[in-house]
Amino acid sequence: MAYIEAGHISQTFQLVATSLGLKTWLTGALTDDQVETLLRLADSPEQPLFFVGCGKSNGQVMCEEMTLLLSGRE
């Protein structure tokens, strides 16, 4: 049920963010131990399942800095 609830929460988050004019992204590909450390969950029975973020965007998949780095035109 935790995964189903994570889906409901992420969908609601995306709907609200979109209504505020923000772009959203989500992923389950995260480094659990680093996120647990950041959220101080190391000795907790809770754990991260899914990441949902939002913010301003120009519609590009990668930020300008990453595009320049990968193209070798730093």
PDB file of N, CA and C in Angstrom:
ATOM      1  N   MET A   1       0.812  -1.198   0.000  1.00  0.00           N
ATOM      2  CA  MET A   1       0.000   0.000   0.000  1.00  0.00           C
ATOM      3  C   MET A   1       0.858   1.266   0.000  1.00  0.00           C
ATOM      4  N   ALA A   2       2.053   1.175   0.548  1.00  0.00           N
ATOM      5  CA  ALA A   2       2.914   2.364   0.603  1.00  0.00           C
ATOM      6  C   ALA A   2       3.188   2.907  -0.802  1.00  0.00           C
ATOM      7  N   TYR A   3       3.396   2.019  -1.763  1.00  0.00           N
ATOM      8  CA  TYR A   3       3.674   2.471  -3.130  1.00  0.00           C
ATOM      9  C   TYR A   3       2.438   3.114  -3.767  1.00  0.00           C
ATOM     10  N   ILE A   4       1.269   2.568  -3.465  1.00  0.00           N
ATOM     11  CA  ILE A   4       0.031   3.160  -3.986  1.00  0.00           C
ATOM     12  C   ILE A   4      -0.159   4.556  -3.397  1.00  0.00           C
ATOM     13  N   GLU A   5       0.064   4.698  -2.094  1.00  0.00           N
ATOM     14  CA  GLU A   5      -0.072   6.011  -1.449  1.00  0.00           C
ATOM     15  C   GLU A   5       0.969   6.993  -1.968  1.00  0.00           C
ATOM     16  N   ALA A   6       2.183   6.506  -2.212  1.00  0.00           N
ATOM     17  CA  ALA A   6       3.221   7.379  -2.789  1.00  0.00           C
ATOM     18  C   ALA A   6       2.769   7.886  -4.161  1.00  0.00           C
ATOM     19  N   GLY A   7       2.105   7.033  -4.924  1.00  0.00           N
ATOM     20  CA  GLY A   7       1.576   7.449  -6.224  1.00  0.00           C
ATOM     21  C   GLY A   7       0.500   8.506  -6.092  1.00  0.00           C
ATOM     22  N   HIS A   8      -0.402   8.324  -5.119  1.00  0.00           N
ATOM     23  CA  HIS A   8      -1.463   9.315  -4.905  1.00  0.00           C
ATOM     24  C   HIS A   8      -0.887  10.663  -4.489  1.00  0.00           C
ATOM     25  N   ILE A   9       0.064  10.634  -3.569  1.00  0.00           N
ATOM     26  CA  ILE A   9       0.676  11.871  -3.082  1.00  0.00           C
ATOM     27  C   ILE A   9       1.431  12.574  -4.213  1.00  0.00           C
ATOM     28  N   SER A  10       2.192  11.798  -5.004  1.00  0.00           N
ATOM     29  CA  SER A  10       2.958  12.420  -6.084  1.00  0.00           C
ATOM     30  C   SER A  10       2.039  13.009  -7.151  1.00  0.00           C
ATOM     31  N   GLN A  11       0.921  12.339  -7.429  1.00  0.00           N
ATOM     32  CA  GLN A  11      -0.022  12.866  -8.413  1.00  0.00           C
ATOM     33  C   GLN A  11      -0.639  14.175  -7.921  1.00  0.00           C
ATOM     34  N   THR A  12      -1.022  14.223  -6.662  1.00  0.00           N
ATOM     35  CA  THR A  12      -1.582  15.451  -6.092  1.00  0.00           C
ATOM     36  C   THR A  12      -0.546  16.570  -6.114  1.00  0.00           C
ATOM     37  N   PHE A  13       0.692  16.248  -5.764  1.00  0.00           N
ATOM     38  CA  PHE A  13       1.782  17.220  -5.795  1.00  0.00           C
ATOM     39  C   PHE A  13       1.939  17.793  -7.198  1.00  0.00           C
ATOM     40  N   GLN A  14       1.929  16.917  -8.205  1.00  0.00           N
ATOM     41  CA  GLN A  14       2.090  17.376  -9.584  1.00  0.00           C
ATOM     42  C   GLN A  14       0.932  18.266 -10.024  1.00  0.00           C
ATOM     43  N   LEU A  15      -0.269  17.914  -9.643  1.00  0.00           N
ATOM     44  CA  LEU A  15      -1.433  18.726 -10.006  1.00  0.00           C
ATOM     45  C   LEU A  15      -1.341  20.127  -9.404  1.00  0.00           C
ATOM     46  N   VAL A  16      -0.964  20.208  -8.139  1.00  0.00           N
ATOM     47  CA  VAL A  16      -0.854  21.502  -7.463  1.00  0.00           C
ATOM     48  C   VAL A  16       0.285  22.323  -8.073  1.00  0.00           C
ATOM     49  N   ALA A  17       1.450  21.692  -8.271  1.00  0.00           N
ATOM     50  CA  ALA A  17       2.594  22.408  -8.843  1.00  0.00           C
ATOM     51  C   ALA A  17       2.270  22.930 -10.239  1.00  0.00           C
ATOM     52  N   THR A  18       1.622  22.100 -11.046  1.00  0.00           N
ATOM     53  CA  THR A  18       1.253  22.513 -12.399  1.00  0.00           C
ATOM     54  C   THR A  18       0.276  23.686 -12.369  1.00  0.00           C
ATOM     55  N   SER A  19      -0.660  23.654 -11.439  1.00  0.00           N
ATOM     56  CA  SER A  19      -1.615  24.764 -11.338  1.00  0.00           C
ATOM     57  C   SER A  19      -0.926  26.059 -10.921  1.00  0.00           C
ATOM     58  N   LEU A  20       0.235  25.944 -10.278  1.00  0.00           N
ATOM     59  CA  LEU A  20       1.013  27.125  -9.882  1.00  0.00           C
ATOM     60  C   LEU A  20       2.005  27.544 -10.966  1.00  0.00           C
ATOM     61  N   GLY A  21       1.980  26.861 -12.110  1.00  0.00           N
ATOM     62  CA  GLY A  21       2.855  27.217 -13.224  1.00  0.00           C
ATOM     63  C   GLY A  21       4.255  26.646 -13.115  1.00  0.00           C
ATOM     64  N   LEU A  22       4.442  25.630 -12.279  1.00  0.00           N
ATOM     65  CA  LEU A  22       5.760  25.029 -12.104  1.00  0.00           C
ATOM     66  C   LEU A  22       5.869  23.743 -12.913  1.00  0.00           C
ATOM     67  N   LYS A  23       7.075  23.421 -13.311  1.00  0.00           N
ATOM     68  CA  LYS A  23       7.356  22.151 -13.983  1.00  0.00           C
ATOM     69  C   LYS A  23       7.661  21.112 -12.909  1.00  0.00           C
ATOM     70  N   THR A  24       7.334  19.856 -13.176  1.00  0.00           N
ATOM     71  CA  THR A  24       7.566  18.806 -12.186  1.00  0.00           C
ATOM     72  C   THR A  24       8.407  17.687 -12.770  1.00  0.00           C
ATOM     73  N   TRP A  25       9.049  16.932 -11.908  1.00  0.00           N
ATOM     74  CA  TRP A  25       9.762  15.732 -12.295  1.00  0.00           C
ATOM     75  C   TRP A  25       9.679  14.757 -11.133  1.00  0.00           C
ATOM     76  N   LEU A  26       9.785  13.486 -11.447  1.00  0.00           N
ATOM     77  CA  LEU A  26       9.768  12.481 -10.391  1.00  0.00           C
ATOM     78  C   LEU A  26      10.683  11.329 -10.756  1.00  0.00           C
ATOM     79  N   THR A  27      11.166  10.660  -9.730  1.00  0.00           N
ATOM     80  CA  THR A  27      12.047   9.521  -9.948  1.00  0.00           C
ATOM     81  C   THR A  27      12.048   8.611  -8.724  1.00  0.00           C
ATOM     82  N   GLY A  28      12.225   7.353  -8.986  1.00  0.00           N
ATOM     83  CA  GLY A  28      12.442   6.381  -7.920  1.00  0.00           C
ATOM     84  C   GLY A  28      13.911   6.001  -7.867  1.00  0.00           C
ATOM     85  N   ALA A  29      14.700   6.560  -8.792  1.00  0.00           N
ATOM     86  CA  ALA A  29      16.133   6.277  -8.855  1.00  0.00           C
ATOM     87  C   ALA A  29      16.875   7.281  -7.990  1.00  0.00           C
ATOM     88  N   LEU A  30      16.964   6.978  -6.720  1.00  0.00           N
ATOM     89  CA  LEU A  30      17.673   7.858  -5.803  1.00  0.00           C
ATOM     90  C   LEU A  30      18.579   7.040  -4.903  1.00  0.00           C
ATOM     91  N   THR A  31      19.579   7.681  -4.354  1.00  0.00           N
ATOM     92  CA  THR A  31      20.517   7.015  -3.457  1.00  0.00           C
ATOM     93  C   THR A  31      19.933   7.060  -2.056  1.00  0.00           C
ATOM     94  N   ASP A  32      19.312   5.941  -1.671  1.00  0.00           N
ATOM     95  CA  ASP A  32      18.574   5.886  -0.411  1.00  0.00           C
ATOM     96  C   ASP A  32      19.377   6.359   0.794  1.00  0.00           C
ATOM     97  N   ASP A  33      20.615   5.870   0.924  1.00  0.00           N
ATOM     98  CA  ASP A  33      21.387   6.198   2.129  1.00  0.00           C
ATOM     99  C   ASP A  33      21.707   7.687   2.210  1.00  0.00           C
ATOM    100  N   GLN A  34      21.956   8.336   1.068  1.00  0.00           N
ATOM    101  CA  GLN A  34      22.236   9.776   1.086  1.00  0.00           C
ATOM    102  C   GLN A  34      20.992  10.575   1.443  1.00  0.00           C
ATOM    103  N   VAL A  35      19.845  10.169   0.914  1.00  0.00           N
ATOM    104  CA  VAL A  35      18.593  10.865   1.224  1.00  0.00           C
ATOM    105  C   VAL A  35      18.232  10.636   2.692  1.00  0.00           C
ATOM    106  N   GLU A  36      18.410   9.414   3.185  1.00  0.00           N
ATOM    107  CA  GLU A  36      18.135   9.124   4.596  1.00  0.00           C
ATOM    108  C   GLU A  36      19.014   9.973   5.511  1.00  0.00           C
ATOM    109  N   THR A  37      20.284  10.149   5.149  1.00  0.00           N
ATOM    110  CA  THR A  37      21.181  10.990   5.938  1.00  0.00           C
ATOM    111  C   THR A  37      20.708  12.440   5.913  1.00  0.00           C
ATOM    112  N   LEU A  38      20.373  12.944   4.723  1.00  0.00           N
ATOM    113  CA  LEU A  38      19.905  14.321   4.574  1.00  0.00           C
ATOM    114  C   LEU A  38      18.645  14.578   5.407  1.00  0.00           C
ATOM    115  N   LEU A  39      17.731  13.614   5.423  1.00  0.00           N
ATOM    116  CA  LEU A  39      16.476  13.761   6.156  1.00  0.00           C
ATOM    117  C   LEU A  39      16.555  13.261   7.600  1.00  0.00           C
ATOM    118  N   ARG A  40      17.760  12.867   7.991  1.00  0.00           N
ATOM    119  CA  ARG A  40      18.006  12.356   9.359  1.00  0.00           C
ATOM    120  C   ARG A  40      17.100  11.160   9.680  1.00  0.00           C
ATOM    121  N   LEU A  41      17.075  10.203   8.767  1.00  0.00           N
ATOM    122  CA  LEU A  41      16.271   9.001   8.937  1.00  0.00           C
ATOM    123  C   LEU A  41      17.125   7.758   9.198  1.00  0.00           C
ATOM    124  N   ALA A  42      18.410   7.958   9.489  1.00  0.00           N
ATOM    125  CA  ALA A  42      19.343   6.837   9.618  1.00  0.00           C
ATOM    126  C   ALA A  42      18.876   5.773  10.608  1.00  0.00           C
ATOM    127  N   ASP A  43      18.374   6.146  11.756  1.00  0.00           N
ATOM    128  CA  ASP A  43      17.931   5.184  12.767  1.00  0.00           C
ATOM    129  C   ASP A  43      16.416   5.153  12.873  1.00  0.00           C
ATOM    130  N   SER A  44      15.744   5.361  11.760  1.00  0.00           N
ATOM    131  CA  SER A  44      14.292   5.432  11.744  1.00  0.00           C
ATOM    132  C   SER A  44      13.720   4.284  10.909  1.00  0.00           C
ATOM    133  N   PRO A  45      12.534   3.821  11.248  1.00  0.00           N
ATOM    134  CA  PRO A  45      11.906   2.792  10.408  1.00  0.00           C
ATOM    135  C   PRO A  45      11.374   3.365   9.088  1.00  0.00           C
ATOM    136  N   GLU A  46      11.374   4.692   8.939  1.00  0.00           N
ATOM    137  CA  GLU A  46      10.899   5.329   7.715  1.00  0.00           C
ATOM    138  C   GLU A  46      12.001   5.309   6.667  1.00  0.00           C
ATOM    139  N   GLN A  47      11.597   5.279   5.401  1.00  0.00           N
ATOM    140  CA  GLN A  47      12.569   5.308   4.309  1.00  0.00           C
ATOM    141  C   GLN A  47      11.983   5.996   3.088  1.00  0.00           C
ATOM    142  N   PRO A  48      12.843   6.623   2.276  1.00  0.00           N
ATOM    143  CA  PRO A  48      12.348   7.283   1.065  1.00  0.00           C
ATOM    144  C   PRO A  48      11.970   6.240   0.016  1.00  0.00           C
ATOM    145  N   LEU A  49      10.850   6.465  -0.667  1.00  0.00           N
ATOM    146  CA  LEU A  49      10.395   5.567  -1.728  1.00  0.00           C
ATOM    147  C   LEU A  49      10.488   6.209  -3.104  1.00  0.00           C
ATOM    148  N   PHE A  50      10.242   7.524  -3.144  1.00  0.00           N
ATOM    149  CA  PHE A  50      10.045   8.199  -4.411  1.00  0.00           C
ATOM    150  C   PHE A  50      10.408   9.665  -4.235  1.00  0.00           C
ATOM    151  N   PHE A  51      10.928  10.291  -5.287  1.00  0.00           N
ATOM    152  CA  PHE A  51      11.277  11.707  -5.218  1.00  0.00           C
ATOM    153  C   PHE A  51      10.426  12.478  -6.205  1.00  0.00           C
ATOM    154  N   VAL A  52       9.812  13.551  -5.741  1.00  0.00           N
ATOM    155  CA  VAL A  52       9.026  14.432  -6.596  1.00  0.00           C
ATOM    156  C   VAL A  52       9.563  15.847  -6.391  1.00  0.00           C
ATOM    157  N   GLY A  53       9.881  16.514  -7.470  1.00  0.00           N
ATOM    158  CA  GLY A  53      10.386  17.878  -7.371  1.00  0.00           C
ATOM    159  C   GLY A  53       9.627  18.804  -8.298  1.00  0.00           C
ATOM    160  N   CYS A  54       9.798  20.096  -8.083  1.00  0.00           N
ATOM    161  CA  CYS A  54       9.169  21.079  -8.959  1.00  0.00           C
ATOM    162  C   CYS A  54      10.006  22.350  -8.976  1.00  0.00           C
ATOM    163  N   GLY A  55       9.790  23.151 -10.000  1.00  0.00           N
ATOM    164  CA  GLY A  55      10.498  24.412 -10.091  1.00  0.00           C
ATOM    165  C   GLY A  55      10.268  25.079 -11.425  1.00  0.00           C
ATOM    166  N   LYS A  56      10.965  26.162 -11.638  1.00  0.00           N
ATOM    167  CA  LYS A  56      10.888  26.890 -12.906  1.00  0.00           C
ATOM    168  C   LYS A  56      11.706  26.134 -13.944  1.00  0.00           C
ATOM    169  N   SER A  57      11.311  26.210 -15.197  1.00  0.00           N
ATOM    170  CA  SER A  57      12.017  25.490 -16.246  1.00  0.00           C
ATOM    171  C   SER A  57      11.823  26.191 -17.578  1.00  0.00           C
ATOM    172  N   ASN A  58      12.819  26.026 -18.437  1.00  0.00           N
ATOM    173  CA  ASN A  58      12.683  26.529 -19.803  1.00  0.00           C
ATOM    174  C   ASN A  58      12.236  25.418 -20.745  1.00  0.00           C
ATOM    175  N   GLY A  59      11.914  24.258 -20.190  1.00  0.00           N
ATOM    176  CA  GLY A  59      11.435  23.135 -20.980  1.00  0.00           C
ATOM    177  C   GLY A  59      12.514  22.178 -21.441  1.00  0.00           C
ATOM    178  N   GLN A  60      13.773  22.525 -21.224  1.00  0.00           N
ATOM    179  CA  GLN A  60      14.866  21.647 -21.617  1.00  0.00           C
ATOM    180  C   GLN A  60      15.024  20.517 -20.609  1.00  0.00           C
ATOM    181  N   VAL A  61      15.461  19.367 -21.085  1.00  0.00           N
ATOM    182  CA  VAL A  61      15.646  18.213 -20.207  1.00  0.00           C
ATOM    183  C   VAL A  61      16.818  18.455 -19.261  1.00  0.00           C
ATOM    184  N   MET A  62      17.902  19.033 -19.784  1.00  0.00           N
ATOM    185  CA  MET A  62      19.085  19.283 -18.963  1.00  0.00           C
ATOM    186  C   MET A  62      19.305  20.783 -18.808  1.00  0.00           C
ATOM    187  N   CYS A  63      19.878  21.169 -17.668  1.00  0.00           N
ATOM    188  CA  CYS A  63      20.193  22.578 -17.455  1.00  0.00           C
ATOM    189  C   CYS A  63      21.333  22.992 -18.387  1.00  0.00           C
ATOM    190  N   GLU A  64      21.482  24.290 -18.569  1.00  0.00           N
ATOM    191  CA  GLU A  64      22.499  24.818 -19.476  1.00  0.00           C
ATOM    192  C   GLU A  64      23.902  24.374 -19.075  1.00  0.00           C
ATOM    193  N   GLU A  65      24.173  24.352 -17.769  1.00  0.00           N
ATOM    194  CA  GLU A  65      25.502  23.959 -17.284  1.00  0.00           C
ATOM    195  C   GLU A  65      25.828  22.513 -17.665  1.00  0.00           C
ATOM    196  N   MET A  66      24.855  21.616 -17.533  1.00  0.00           N
ATOM    197  CA  MET A  66      25.073  20.213 -17.866  1.00  0.00           C
ATOM    198  C   MET A  66      25.253  20.038 -19.369  1.00  0.00           C
ATOM    199  N   THR A  67      24.480  20.770 -20.158  1.00  0.00           N
ATOM    200  CA  THR A  67      24.607  20.710 -21.613  1.00  0.00           C
ATOM    201  C   THR A  67      25.999  21.149 -22.044  1.00  0.00           C
ATOM    202  N   LEU A  68      26.499  22.245 -21.471  1.00  0.00           N
ATOM    203  CA  LEU A  68      27.851  22.716 -21.796  1.00  0.00           C
ATOM    204  C   LEU A  68      28.913  21.712 -21.366  1.00  0.00           C
ATOM    205  N   LEU A  69      28.752  21.147 -20.191  1.00  0.00           N
ATOM    206  CA  LEU A  69      29.726  20.174 -19.692  1.00  0.00           C
ATOM    207  C   LEU A  69      29.791  18.960 -20.613  1.00  0.00           C
ATOM    208  N   LEU A  70      28.649  18.442 -21.020  1.00  0.00           N
ATOM    209  CA  LEU A  70      28.622  17.261 -21.864  1.00  0.00           C
ATOM    210  C   LEU A  70      29.089  17.543 -23.285  1.00  0.00           C
ATOM    211  N   SER A  71      28.943  18.759 -23.746  1.00  0.00           N
ATOM    212  CA  SER A  71      29.381  19.103 -25.102  1.00  0.00           C
ATOM    213  C   SER A  71      30.874  19.423 -25.156  1.00  0.00           C
ATOM    214  N   GLY A  72      31.503  19.602 -23.998  1.00  0.00           N
ATOM    215  CA  GLY A  72      32.925  19.921 -23.963  1.00  0.00           C
ATOM    216  C   GLY A  72      33.222  21.384 -24.210  1.00  0.00           C
ATOM    217  N   ARG A  73      32.213  22.252 -24.181  1.00  0.00           N
ATOM    218  CA  ARG A  73      32.402  23.691 -24.450  1.00  0.00           C
ATOM    219  C   ARG A  73      32.361  24.497 -23.156  1.00  0.00           C
ATOM    220  N   GLU A  74      32.978  24.001 -22.118  1.00  0.00           N
ATOM    221  CA  GLU A  74      32.906  24.659 -20.804  1.00  0.00           C
ATOM    222  C   GLU A  74      33.433  26.051 -20.858  1.00  0.00           C
TER     223      GLU A  74
END
